[in-house]
């Protein structure tokens, strides 16, 4: 379970023109929650706070009952897909998806199989050696989604841990991930996210401007409002 408890944040000193943003949110494990609200309300800010790219002025963020506020972003059990796909254009598709996976994993064969399956699932089979800058915008977004989902499925193996699943990135944050996709590809990607949540025990929190996404995903809806 993800808990955001009385988290407060401001990009500038709080004032009448720039009031504090306040967030209280509980997300059940192995579920999908869609964050909705008008532009500028703080939807992406909330995801960045959960991921650790921003630091709360007050409050706490807990995953499975443990505070993660003290953890740097790379140490959090989180995989995130940004509004901008954050890919490396000079590298190929396979390398972009594999970035961040444990280089010393005992399950390299499983990693390769998972990456290959993600390419097939997202209609990218045969493109693994294509450079990112040769792909269309929609294809690039699908590569970014593949990376986020693969990172969520494959645990990191830490020398200090006897349980590899303890560092599984089982919380996926999706910041408007389907905005560049055509309707048919978007439907396929929504179906894949939904399948992963309910088959692999992934928890997903997604920002979207399309109200139909929540219905198609069978998601809980969390609405952000001014002065909430």
Protein backbone atom coordinates (compact mmCIF):
# COMPACT_ATOMS: atom_id res chain seq x y z
CA UNK A 1 0.00 0.00 0.00
CA UNK A 2 1.14 3.53 -0.84
CA UNK A 3 0.34 6.27 1.68
CA UNK A 4 0.91 9.98 1.12
CA UNK A 5 0.30 11.58 4.51
CA UNK A 6 -0.23 15.33 4.79
CA UNK A 7 2.54 16.02 2.27
CA UNK A 8 3.05 19.72 1.63
CA UNK A 9 5.13 21.28 -1.12
CA UNK A 10 5.71 24.60 -2.87
CA UNK A 11 8.05 25.51 -5.71
CA UNK A 12 8.36 28.96 -4.15
CA UNK A 13 7.84 30.39 -0.71
CA UNK A 14 4.16 29.93 0.06
CA UNK A 15 2.11 33.02 -0.66
CA UNK A 16 -1.34 33.97 -1.82
CA UNK A 17 -0.05 33.76 -5.39
CA UNK A 18 1.72 30.43 -4.78
CA UNK A 19 -0.02 28.54 -1.96
CA UNK A 20 1.22 25.28 -0.53
CA UNK A 21 0.19 22.15 -2.37
CA UNK A 22 -1.22 19.56 0.05
CA UNK A 23 -1.60 15.88 -0.72
CA UNK A 24 -3.27 13.02 1.17
CA UNK A 25 -3.60 9.79 -0.75
CA UNK A 26 -3.90 6.06 -0.07
CA UNK A 27 -3.39 3.54 -2.89
CA UNK A 28 -4.14 -0.13 -2.34
CA UNK A 29 -1.46 -2.61 -3.36
CA UNK A 30 -1.98 -4.35 -6.70
CA UNK A 31 -4.37 -1.70 -7.97
CA UNK A 32 -4.48 1.16 -10.46
CA UNK A 33 -5.19 4.72 -9.36
CA UNK A 34 -5.72 7.54 -11.84
CA UNK A 35 -4.89 11.10 -10.74
CA UNK A 36 -7.11 13.70 -12.36
CA UNK A 37 -7.47 17.46 -12.11
CA UNK A 38 -6.95 20.66 -14.12
CA UNK A 39 -3.57 21.65 -15.53
CA UNK A 40 -1.25 23.16 -12.94
CA UNK A 41 -3.01 21.57 -9.97
CA UNK A 42 -0.02 19.40 -9.05
CA UNK A 43 -0.62 16.00 -10.64
CA UNK A 44 2.93 15.59 -11.93
CA UNK A 45 4.28 17.21 -8.77
CA UNK A 46 2.63 14.48 -6.71
CA UNK A 47 4.30 11.77 -8.79
CA UNK A 48 7.68 13.49 -8.51
CA UNK A 49 7.30 13.68 -4.73
CA UNK A 50 6.52 9.95 -4.54
CA UNK A 51 9.48 9.17 -6.81
CA UNK A 52 11.85 11.32 -4.76
CA UNK A 53 12.68 13.94 -7.38
CA UNK A 54 11.10 16.57 -5.13
CA UNK A 55 11.34 16.81 -1.34
CA UNK A 56 8.24 17.53 0.79
CA UNK A 57 8.26 20.50 3.13
CA UNK A 58 6.12 18.47 5.52
CA UNK A 59 4.51 15.07 5.79
CA UNK A 60 5.56 11.54 4.92
CA UNK A 61 5.32 9.00 2.09
CA UNK A 62 5.10 5.31 2.98
CA UNK A 63 5.29 2.15 0.88
CA UNK A 64 4.13 -1.07 2.54
CA UNK A 65 4.13 0.73 5.89
CA UNK A 66 7.73 1.98 5.64
CA UNK A 67 8.74 5.60 5.04
CA UNK A 68 10.60 6.11 1.77
CA UNK A 69 11.15 9.87 2.15
CA UNK A 70 14.75 9.34 3.25
CA UNK A 71 15.58 7.22 0.19
CA UNK A 72 17.16 8.70 -2.95
CA UNK A 73 15.14 8.12 -6.14
CA UNK A 74 17.28 5.21 -7.35
CA UNK A 75 16.79 3.33 -4.07
CA UNK A 76 13.00 3.57 -4.05
CA UNK A 77 10.96 0.55 -5.20
CA UNK A 78 9.59 2.68 -8.03
CA UNK A 79 9.68 2.73 -11.81
CA UNK A 80 8.51 5.93 -13.49
CA UNK A 81 7.48 6.93 -16.99
CA UNK A 82 7.71 10.69 -17.49
CA UNK A 83 5.69 12.96 -19.77
CA UNK A 84 8.83 13.25 -21.88
CA UNK A 85 10.03 9.73 -22.55
CA UNK A 86 13.54 10.34 -21.12
CA UNK A 87 15.20 8.00 -23.62
CA UNK A 88 18.81 8.20 -24.87
CA UNK A 89 18.48 8.90 -28.62
CA UNK A 90 21.98 7.70 -29.58
CA UNK A 91 21.40 4.22 -28.10
CA UNK A 92 19.29 1.40 -29.49
CA UNK A 93 15.90 0.22 -28.24
CA UNK A 94 17.24 -2.81 -26.35
CA UNK A 95 19.87 -0.78 -24.48
CA UNK A 96 17.33 1.89 -23.51
CA UNK A 97 15.02 -0.72 -22.03
CA UNK A 98 17.84 -2.56 -20.23
CA UNK A 99 19.28 0.59 -18.60
CA UNK A 100 18.93 0.40 -14.86
CA UNK A 101 18.58 -3.37 -14.62
CA UNK A 102 21.01 -5.11 -12.27
CA UNK A 103 24.14 -5.80 -14.31
CA UNK A 104 25.12 -8.60 -11.93
CA UNK A 105 21.71 -10.22 -11.78
CA UNK A 106 21.66 -13.99 -11.45
CA UNK A 107 18.69 -13.94 -13.81
CA UNK A 108 20.17 -12.42 -16.98
CA UNK A 109 18.36 -14.97 -19.15
CA UNK A 110 15.07 -13.98 -17.50
CA UNK A 111 15.89 -10.31 -18.13
CA UNK A 112 16.43 -10.97 -21.84
CA UNK A 113 13.21 -12.94 -22.07
CA UNK A 114 11.28 -10.17 -20.30
CA UNK A 115 12.66 -7.49 -22.60
CA UNK A 116 11.89 -9.56 -25.70
CA UNK A 117 8.35 -10.20 -24.46
CA UNK A 118 7.79 -6.51 -23.73
CA UNK A 119 8.87 -5.62 -27.28
CA UNK A 120 6.40 -8.13 -28.67
CA UNK A 121 3.59 -7.00 -26.35
CA UNK A 122 4.04 -3.38 -27.43
CA UNK A 123 4.33 -4.01 -31.15
CA UNK A 124 8.09 -3.37 -31.26
CA UNK A 125 9.31 -6.86 -32.17
CA UNK A 126 12.33 -6.71 -34.48
CA UNK A 127 13.17 -3.13 -33.51
CA UNK A 128 15.55 -3.98 -30.66
CA UNK A 129 18.64 -2.71 -32.54
CA UNK A 130 17.00 0.39 -33.96
CA UNK A 131 18.32 3.68 -32.61
CA UNK A 132 15.77 5.75 -30.74
CA UNK A 133 16.21 8.73 -33.07
CA UNK A 134 15.01 6.63 -36.02
CA UNK A 135 11.64 5.85 -34.39
CA UNK A 136 8.38 7.77 -34.54
CA UNK A 137 7.13 9.62 -31.48
CA UNK A 138 4.60 6.91 -30.73
CA UNK A 139 7.21 4.17 -31.04
CA UNK A 140 9.53 6.07 -28.68
CA UNK A 141 6.76 6.34 -26.11
CA UNK A 142 6.16 2.59 -26.33
CA UNK A 143 9.89 1.97 -25.71
CA UNK A 144 9.70 4.17 -22.62
CA UNK A 145 6.64 2.24 -21.42
CA UNK A 146 8.44 -1.06 -22.03
CA UNK A 147 11.36 0.12 -19.90
CA UNK A 148 9.11 1.16 -17.03
CA UNK A 149 7.21 -2.13 -17.05
CA UNK A 150 10.33 -4.30 -17.35
CA UNK A 151 11.94 -2.45 -14.43
CA UNK A 152 8.81 -3.12 -12.40
CA UNK A 153 8.81 -6.84 -13.17
CA UNK A 154 12.50 -7.61 -12.57
CA UNK A 155 13.91 -7.33 -9.01
CA UNK A 156 17.25 -5.76 -8.22
CA UNK A 157 19.64 -8.16 -6.53
CA UNK A 158 21.45 -6.50 -3.63
CA UNK A 159 24.40 -8.20 -1.90
CA UNK A 160 23.00 -7.25 1.49
CA UNK A 161 19.60 -8.79 0.82
CA UNK A 162 18.68 -12.46 0.99
CA UNK A 163 15.33 -11.72 -0.61
CA UNK A 164 15.65 -10.38 -4.19
CA UNK A 165 11.96 -9.45 -4.25
CA UNK A 166 12.57 -6.97 -1.43
CA UNK A 167 13.92 -4.51 -3.99
CA UNK A 168 11.40 -5.14 -6.74
CA UNK A 169 10.20 -1.89 -8.28
CA UNK A 170 6.59 -2.90 -7.76
CA UNK A 171 5.20 0.66 -7.78
CA UNK A 172 4.88 2.15 -11.27
CA UNK A 173 4.24 5.87 -11.76
CA UNK A 174 2.92 6.86 -15.19
CA UNK A 175 2.79 10.54 -16.12
CA UNK A 176 0.47 10.86 -19.15
CA UNK A 177 2.15 7.89 -20.81
CA UNK A 178 -0.21 7.46 -23.76
CA UNK A 179 -0.60 11.04 -25.01
CA UNK A 180 1.45 10.43 -28.17
CA UNK A 181 -0.16 7.14 -29.17
CA UNK A 182 -2.84 6.45 -31.75
CA UNK A 183 -6.13 5.05 -30.35
CA UNK A 184 -5.44 1.41 -31.21
CA UNK A 185 -1.90 1.42 -29.75
CA UNK A 186 -3.14 3.28 -26.70
CA UNK A 187 -5.79 0.62 -26.11
CA UNK A 188 -3.13 -2.10 -26.35
CA UNK A 189 -0.90 -0.31 -23.85
CA UNK A 190 -3.75 0.22 -21.40
CA UNK A 191 -4.57 -3.48 -21.63
CA UNK A 192 -0.93 -4.40 -20.95
CA UNK A 193 -0.72 -2.17 -17.87
CA UNK A 194 -3.99 -3.61 -16.56
CA UNK A 195 -2.77 -7.17 -17.17
CA UNK A 196 0.53 -6.54 -15.34
CA UNK A 197 -1.19 -5.04 -12.32
CA UNK A 198 -3.48 -8.01 -11.81
CA UNK A 199 -1.12 -10.81 -12.92
CA UNK A 200 2.22 -9.60 -11.57
CA UNK A 201 1.19 -7.76 -8.41
CA UNK A 202 2.19 -4.34 -9.71
CA UNK A 203 0.70 -1.16 -8.22
CA UNK A 204 0.20 1.69 -10.71
CA UNK A 205 -0.49 5.39 -10.24
CA UNK A 206 -1.21 7.25 -13.47
CA UNK A 207 -1.78 10.88 -14.42
CA UNK A 208 -4.00 11.33 -17.46
CA UNK A 209 -6.20 13.99 -19.05
CA UNK A 210 -8.46 11.39 -20.66
CA UNK A 211 -11.39 10.43 -18.37
CA UNK A 212 -11.94 7.26 -20.40
CA UNK A 213 -8.57 5.86 -19.26
CA UNK A 214 -9.78 5.28 -15.71
CA UNK A 215 -12.81 3.37 -16.95
CA UNK A 216 -10.78 1.27 -19.38
CA UNK A 217 -8.28 0.40 -16.65
CA UNK A 218 -10.88 -0.33 -13.98
CA UNK A 219 -9.03 2.23 -11.87
CA UNK A 220 -9.75 4.13 -8.70
CA UNK A 221 -9.90 7.89 -9.33
CA UNK A 222 -8.22 10.49 -7.11
CA UNK A 223 -9.22 14.08 -7.92
CA UNK A 224 -6.91 16.96 -7.05
CA UNK A 225 -8.59 20.25 -6.26
CA UNK A 226 -7.35 23.73 -5.43
CA UNK A 227 -6.53 24.12 -1.74
CA UNK A 228 -7.12 20.38 -1.19
